Every structure is written in C-alpha cells, then in structure tokens.
Amino acid sequence: MSSAINTDQLGEHIGREVGLTDWLEISQDRINNFAEATGDFQYIHIDESRAAETPFGTTIAHGFLTLSLLSKLSSMGGGIKLKNAVMGINYGLDKVRFINPVKVNSKVRARFELVSAEEKKPKHYLLKHNVTVEIESEEKPALIAEWLGMTVVS
C-alpha cells in the first residue's frame, strides 16, 4: 500500500494485505553488528568455518535480528499508513514464530496484513498487522508475527 489513508477508511482494509516490501539482503556484516550490539556471539551466527559444518552449511541471522528488521521493513512500504500521522509507537507483539533460518546473504521481504484497528483514545489508533517475513527462493518464511503499533494522528 503506497499512500496513506484516512482513519475512517481503516475498516475497509481489515483482513487485506496492506504492504509488500522490497527485498533486503542479510549480510555477514549486518549479522556481526547485531551480535556486537546484543552480545549474542553464538558461533552459528559469526563463525563462518564452524557454521559451515552445521546442517545450515553457513552462518545464519539471529532470529531476533530478523524480528528487529520489522521496523526497517515497515519503513520500506509495509503496514497501513494513516494521513496526518504525528508518530508511530511500537506497542509490542502478540505472537512470534521463527519458522526458517535466514542464511547469510539471503534476501528477505515482508508482507503485512491489517488484522484490526481500534481507536484506544482520541487520535490514538492501535493497529495490529500479521507480518510474514519471506526468504527469497524459500518456500517457508523466516518468521510470522502479530505486530502491534500505536499511530497518533493530529
């Protein structure tokens, strides 16, 4: 979904796909930087020679790295956008499942489906999206999540 909608149009989009992002490559540098930021240095993420001996055959992205990319992917055209939005706040997740590991140098993208939209207080809209992070050339997605965001409009 490329353009923003008015809040009175939210109901028309519930149950529909409202965003599909471009592909984003998951480089070893990105994985290493995430390991550095989080202190998660498990060898399957950062030791290319040891990871080559695993069933994955290479290093893989941290599941939480893939999850944390939801914000980036959302900025690439995922999720519903409201006209007159002042800010969006990450409100949390109702469900997350890591389905398939993301191998280094793979590309991921996200599909966003609007599940619900509720005005919690005046001009504060709680939006729930089902998000599927797909891996290029893979049948099974990297993850599925129910992501909540609060959008404040003017």
C-alpha atoms as a PDB file:
ATOM      1  CA  MET A   1       0.000   0.000   0.000  1.00  0.00           C
ATOM      2  CA  SER A   2       1.714   3.129  -1.154  1.00  0.00           C
ATOM      3  CA  SER A   3      -0.410   6.013   0.082  1.00  0.00           C
ATOM      4  CA  ALA A   4      -1.770   6.986   3.461  1.00  0.00           C
ATOM      5  CA  ILE A   5      -5.457   6.617   4.254  1.00  0.00           C
ATOM      6  CA  ASN A   6      -7.877   8.479   6.489  1.00  0.00           C
ATOM      7  CA  THR A   7      -8.787   6.858   9.787  1.00  0.00           C
ATOM      8  CA  ASP A   8     -12.395   6.416   8.642  1.00  0.00           C
ATOM      9  CA  GLN A   9     -11.099   4.095   5.892  1.00  0.00           C
ATOM     10  CA  LEU A  10      -9.400   1.641   8.254  1.00  0.00           C
ATOM     11  CA  GLY A  11     -12.329  -0.784   8.288  1.00  0.00           C
ATOM     12  CA  GLU A  12     -12.089  -1.228   4.517  1.00  0.00           C
ATOM     13  CA  HIS A  13      -8.548  -2.605   4.884  1.00  0.00           C
ATOM     14  CA  ILE A  14      -9.016  -5.097   7.718  1.00  0.00           C
ATOM     15  CA  GLY A  15      -8.244  -8.607   6.511  1.00  0.00           C
ATOM     16  CA  ARG A  16      -6.371  -7.315   3.457  1.00  0.00           C
ATOM     17  CA  GLU A  17      -2.721  -7.239   2.521  1.00  0.00           C
ATOM     18  CA  VAL A  18      -1.621  -3.642   3.005  1.00  0.00           C
ATOM     19  CA  GLY A  19       2.083  -3.848   2.263  1.00  0.00           C
ATOM     20  CA  LEU A  20       4.759  -5.844   0.489  1.00  0.00           C
ATOM     21  CA  THR A  21       8.324  -4.598   0.809  1.00  0.00           C
ATOM     22  CA  ASP A  22      11.313  -4.810  -1.469  1.00  0.00           C
ATOM     23  CA  TRP A  23      13.962  -7.425  -0.781  1.00  0.00           C
ATOM     24  CA  LEU A  24      16.623  -6.674   1.847  1.00  0.00           C
ATOM     25  CA  GLU A  25      19.930  -8.577   1.869  1.00  0.00           C
ATOM     26  CA  ILE A  26      21.182 -10.031   5.142  1.00  0.00           C
ATOM     27  CA  SER A  27      24.963  -9.647   5.003  1.00  0.00           C
ATOM     28  CA  GLN A  28      27.531 -11.084   7.379  1.00  0.00           C
ATOM     29  CA  ASP A  29      28.378  -7.516   8.423  1.00  0.00           C
ATOM     30  CA  ARG A  30      24.749  -6.962   9.483  1.00  0.00           C
ATOM     31  CA  ILE A  31      24.799 -10.233  11.444  1.00  0.00           C
ATOM     32  CA  ASN A  32      28.124  -9.372  13.094  1.00  0.00           C
ATOM     33  CA  ASN A  33      26.908  -5.893  14.022  1.00  0.00           C
ATOM     34  CA  PHE A  34      23.789  -7.382  15.607  1.00  0.00           C
ATOM     35  CA  ALA A  35      25.944  -9.842  17.560  1.00  0.00           C
ATOM     36  CA  GLU A  36      28.055  -6.940  18.783  1.00  0.00           C
ATOM     37  CA  ALA A  37      25.018  -4.893  19.773  1.00  0.00           C
ATOM     38  CA  THR A  38      23.321  -7.725  21.657  1.00  0.00           C
ATOM     39  CA  GLY A  39      26.262  -9.742  22.963  1.00  0.00           C
ATOM     40  CA  ASP A  40      24.960 -12.874  21.210  1.00  0.00           C
ATOM     41  CA  PHE A  41      28.119 -14.381  19.730  1.00  0.00           C
ATOM     42  CA  GLN A  42      26.855 -17.922  19.166  1.00  0.00           C
ATOM     43  CA  TYR A  43      29.075 -19.484  16.516  1.00  0.00           C
ATOM     44  CA  ILE A  44      26.220 -20.293  14.109  1.00  0.00           C
ATOM     45  CA  HIS A  45      25.925 -16.548  13.548  1.00  0.00           C
ATOM     46  CA  ILE A  46      29.513 -15.325  13.415  1.00  0.00           C
ATOM     47  CA  ASP A  47      31.969 -18.210  12.877  1.00  0.00           C
ATOM     48  CA  GLU A  48      31.790 -18.981   9.171  1.00  0.00           C
ATOM     49  CA  SER A  49      34.049 -22.064   9.267  1.00  0.00           C
ATOM     50  CA  ARG A  50      32.260 -23.728  12.200  1.00  0.00           C
ATOM     51  CA  ALA A  51      28.841 -22.803  10.829  1.00  0.00           C
ATOM     52  CA  ALA A  52      29.772 -24.456   7.522  1.00  0.00           C
ATOM     53  CA  GLU A  53      29.883 -27.773   9.422  1.00  0.00           C
ATOM     54  CA  THR A  54      26.287 -27.432  10.667  1.00  0.00           C
ATOM     55  CA  PRO A  55      23.160 -28.597   8.823  1.00  0.00           C
ATOM     56  CA  PHE A  56      22.746 -24.948   7.698  1.00  0.00           C
ATOM     57  CA  GLY A  57      26.059 -25.059   5.825  1.00  0.00           C
ATOM     58  CA  THR A  58      26.726 -21.390   6.565  1.00  0.00           C
ATOM     59  CA  THR A  59      26.109 -18.694   9.145  1.00  0.00           C
ATOM     60  CA  ILE A  60      22.539 -17.676   9.867  1.00  0.00           C
ATOM     61  CA  ALA A  61      20.966 -14.459  11.086  1.00  0.00           C
ATOM     62  CA  HIS A  62      19.825 -14.277  14.679  1.00  0.00           C
ATOM     63  CA  GLY A  63      16.070 -14.793  14.921  1.00  0.00           C
ATOM     64  CA  PHE A  64      15.876 -11.561  16.869  1.00  0.00           C
ATOM     65  CA  LEU A  65      17.803  -9.773  14.108  1.00  0.00           C
ATOM     66  CA  THR A  66      15.142 -10.822  11.631  1.00  0.00           C
ATOM     67  CA  LEU A  67      12.437  -9.731  14.067  1.00  0.00           C
ATOM     68  CA  SER A  68      14.124  -6.384  14.710  1.00  0.00           C
ATOM     69  CA  LEU A  69      14.096  -5.702  10.969  1.00  0.00           C
ATOM     70  CA  LEU A  70      10.307  -5.298  11.097  1.00  0.00           C
ATOM     71  CA  SER A  71      10.812  -1.579  11.740  1.00  0.00           C
ATOM     72  CA  LYS A  72      13.094  -1.246   8.700  1.00  0.00           C
ATOM     73  CA  LEU A  73      10.784  -3.343   6.540  1.00  0.00           C
ATOM     74  CA  SER A  74       7.791  -1.307   7.672  1.00  0.00           C
ATOM     75  CA  SER A  75       9.559   1.856   6.510  1.00  0.00           C
ATOM     76  CA  MET A  76      10.008   0.200   3.105  1.00  0.00           C
ATOM     77  CA  GLY A  77       6.279   0.092   2.438  1.00  0.00           C
ATOM     78  CA  GLY A  78       4.929  -2.368   4.956  1.00  0.00           C
ATOM     79  CA  GLY A  79       1.847  -1.787   7.034  1.00  0.00           C
ATOM     80  CA  ILE A  80      -1.001   0.668   6.824  1.00  0.00           C
ATOM     81  CA  LYS A  81      -0.135   4.361   6.912  1.00  0.00           C
ATOM     82  CA  LEU A  82      -2.513   6.970   8.292  1.00  0.00           C
ATOM     83  CA  LYS A  83      -2.868  10.518   6.994  1.00  0.00           C
ATOM     84  CA  ASN A  84      -1.878  13.197   9.494  1.00  0.00           C
ATOM     85  CA  ALA A  85       0.225  10.724  11.482  1.00  0.00           C
ATOM     86  CA  VAL A  86       2.302  12.521  14.101  1.00  0.00           C
ATOM     87  CA  MET A  87       4.172   9.423  15.279  1.00  0.00           C
ATOM     88  CA  GLY A  88       4.101   5.667  15.396  1.00  0.00           C
ATOM     89  CA  ILE A  89       4.986   3.743  18.529  1.00  0.00           C
ATOM     90  CA  ASN A  90       5.983   0.092  18.720  1.00  0.00           C
ATOM     91  CA  TYR A  91       3.293  -1.347  21.013  1.00  0.00           C
ATOM     92  CA  GLY A  92       4.517  -4.941  21.097  1.00  0.00           C
ATOM     93  CA  LEU A  93       3.818  -8.366  19.697  1.00  0.00           C
ATOM     94  CA  ASP A  94       1.026 -10.818  20.371  1.00  0.00           C
ATOM     95  CA  LYS A  95       2.738 -13.750  18.662  1.00  0.00           C
ATOM     96  CA  VAL A  96       6.086 -14.521  17.064  1.00  0.00           C
ATOM     97  CA  ARG A  97       7.230 -17.763  15.491  1.00  0.00           C
ATOM     98  CA  PHE A  98      10.646 -18.333  13.930  1.00  0.00           C
ATOM     99  CA  ILE A  99       9.891 -20.775  11.115  1.00  0.00           C
ATOM    100  CA  ASN A 100      13.013 -20.947   8.938  1.00  0.00           C
ATOM    101  CA  PRO A 101      16.583 -19.704   9.487  1.00  0.00           C
ATOM    102  CA  VAL A 102      17.841 -16.853   7.323  1.00  0.00           C
ATOM    103  CA  LYS A 103      21.184 -17.814   5.820  1.00  0.00           C
ATOM    104  CA  VAL A 104      23.852 -15.191   5.286  1.00  0.00           C
ATOM    105  CA  ASN A 105      23.497 -13.268   2.003  1.00  0.00           C
ATOM    106  CA  SER A 106      19.839 -14.280   1.698  1.00  0.00           C
ATOM    107  CA  LYS A 107      17.252 -11.662   0.920  1.00  0.00           C
ATOM    108  CA  VAL A 108      14.113 -11.131   2.980  1.00  0.00           C
ATOM    109  CA  ARG A 109      10.950  -9.118   2.483  1.00  0.00           C
ATOM    110  CA  ALA A 110       7.768  -8.682   4.476  1.00  0.00           C
ATOM    111  CA  ARG A 111       4.052  -8.963   3.777  1.00  0.00           C
ATOM    112  CA  PHE A 112       1.721  -7.003   6.026  1.00  0.00           C
ATOM    113  CA  GLU A 113      -1.963  -7.782   6.535  1.00  0.00           C
ATOM    114  CA  LEU A 114      -4.080  -5.465   8.673  1.00  0.00           C
ATOM    115  CA  VAL A 115      -5.869  -7.569  11.287  1.00  0.00           C
ATOM    116  CA  SER A 116      -7.504  -4.911  13.427  1.00  0.00           C
ATOM    117  CA  ALA A 117      -7.648  -1.178  14.059  1.00  0.00           C
ATOM    118  CA  GLU A 118      -9.027   0.362  17.220  1.00  0.00           C
ATOM    119  CA  GLU A 119      -9.138   3.943  18.431  1.00  0.00           C
ATOM    120  CA  LYS A 120      -7.913   3.457  22.002  1.00  0.00           C
ATOM    121  CA  LYS A 121      -8.360   7.115  22.929  1.00  0.00           C
ATOM    122  CA  PRO A 122      -8.939  10.155  20.736  1.00  0.00           C
ATOM    123  CA  LYS A 123      -6.451  10.224  17.854  1.00  0.00           C
ATOM    124  CA  HIS A 124      -4.560   7.121  19.115  1.00  0.00           C
ATOM    125  CA  TYR A 125      -5.065   4.100  16.841  1.00  0.00           C
ATOM    126  CA  LEU A 126      -3.874   0.636  17.817  1.00  0.00           C
ATOM    127  CA  LEU A 127      -3.140  -1.263  14.615  1.00  0.00           C
ATOM    128  CA  LYS A 128      -2.442  -4.988  14.505  1.00  0.00           C
ATOM    129  CA  HIS A 129      -0.706  -6.472  11.472  1.00  0.00           C
ATOM    130  CA  ASN A 130       0.039 -10.059  10.620  1.00  0.00           C
ATOM    131  CA  VAL A 131       3.567  -9.909   9.254  1.00  0.00           C
ATOM    132  CA  THR A 132       5.237 -12.663   7.273  1.00  0.00           C
ATOM    133  CA  VAL A 133       8.955 -12.290   6.603  1.00  0.00           C
ATOM    134  CA  GLU A 134       9.728 -14.268   3.471  1.00  0.00           C
ATOM    135  CA  ILE A 135      13.114 -15.525   2.309  1.00  0.00           C
ATOM    136  CA  GLU A 136      13.849 -15.262  -1.407  1.00  0.00           C
ATOM    137  CA  SER A 137      13.731 -18.693  -3.111  1.00  0.00           C
ATOM    138  CA  GLU A 138      12.495 -20.421   0.075  1.00  0.00           C
ATOM    139  CA  GLU A 139       9.063 -21.964   0.456  1.00  0.00           C
ATOM    140  CA  LYS A 140       8.829 -21.460   4.225  1.00  0.00           C
ATOM    141  CA  PRO A 141       9.007 -17.955   5.693  1.00  0.00           C
ATOM    142  CA  ALA A 142      11.639 -16.822   8.166  1.00  0.00           C
ATOM    143  CA  LEU A 143       9.032 -15.732  10.692  1.00  0.00           C
ATOM    144  CA  ILE A 144       5.441 -14.828  11.282  1.00  0.00           C
ATOM    145  CA  ALA A 145       4.355 -12.239  13.818  1.00  0.00           C
ATOM    146  CA  GLU A 146       1.324 -10.363  15.083  1.00  0.00           C
ATOM    147  CA  TRP A 147       2.736  -6.872  15.474  1.00  0.00           C
ATOM    148  CA  LEU A 148       1.019  -4.030  17.320  1.00  0.00           C
ATOM    149  CA  GLY A 149       1.649  -0.378  16.652  1.00  0.00           C
ATOM    150  CA  MET A 150       0.065   2.773  18.035  1.00  0.00           C
ATOM    151  CA  THR A 151      -0.312   5.566  15.498  1.00  0.00           C
ATOM    152  CA  VAL A 152      -1.079   9.041  16.789  1.00  0.00           C
ATOM    153  CA  VAL A 153      -2.742  11.437  14.352  1.00  0.00           C
ATOM    154  CA  SER A 154      -3.212  15.191  14.551  1.00  0.00           C
END
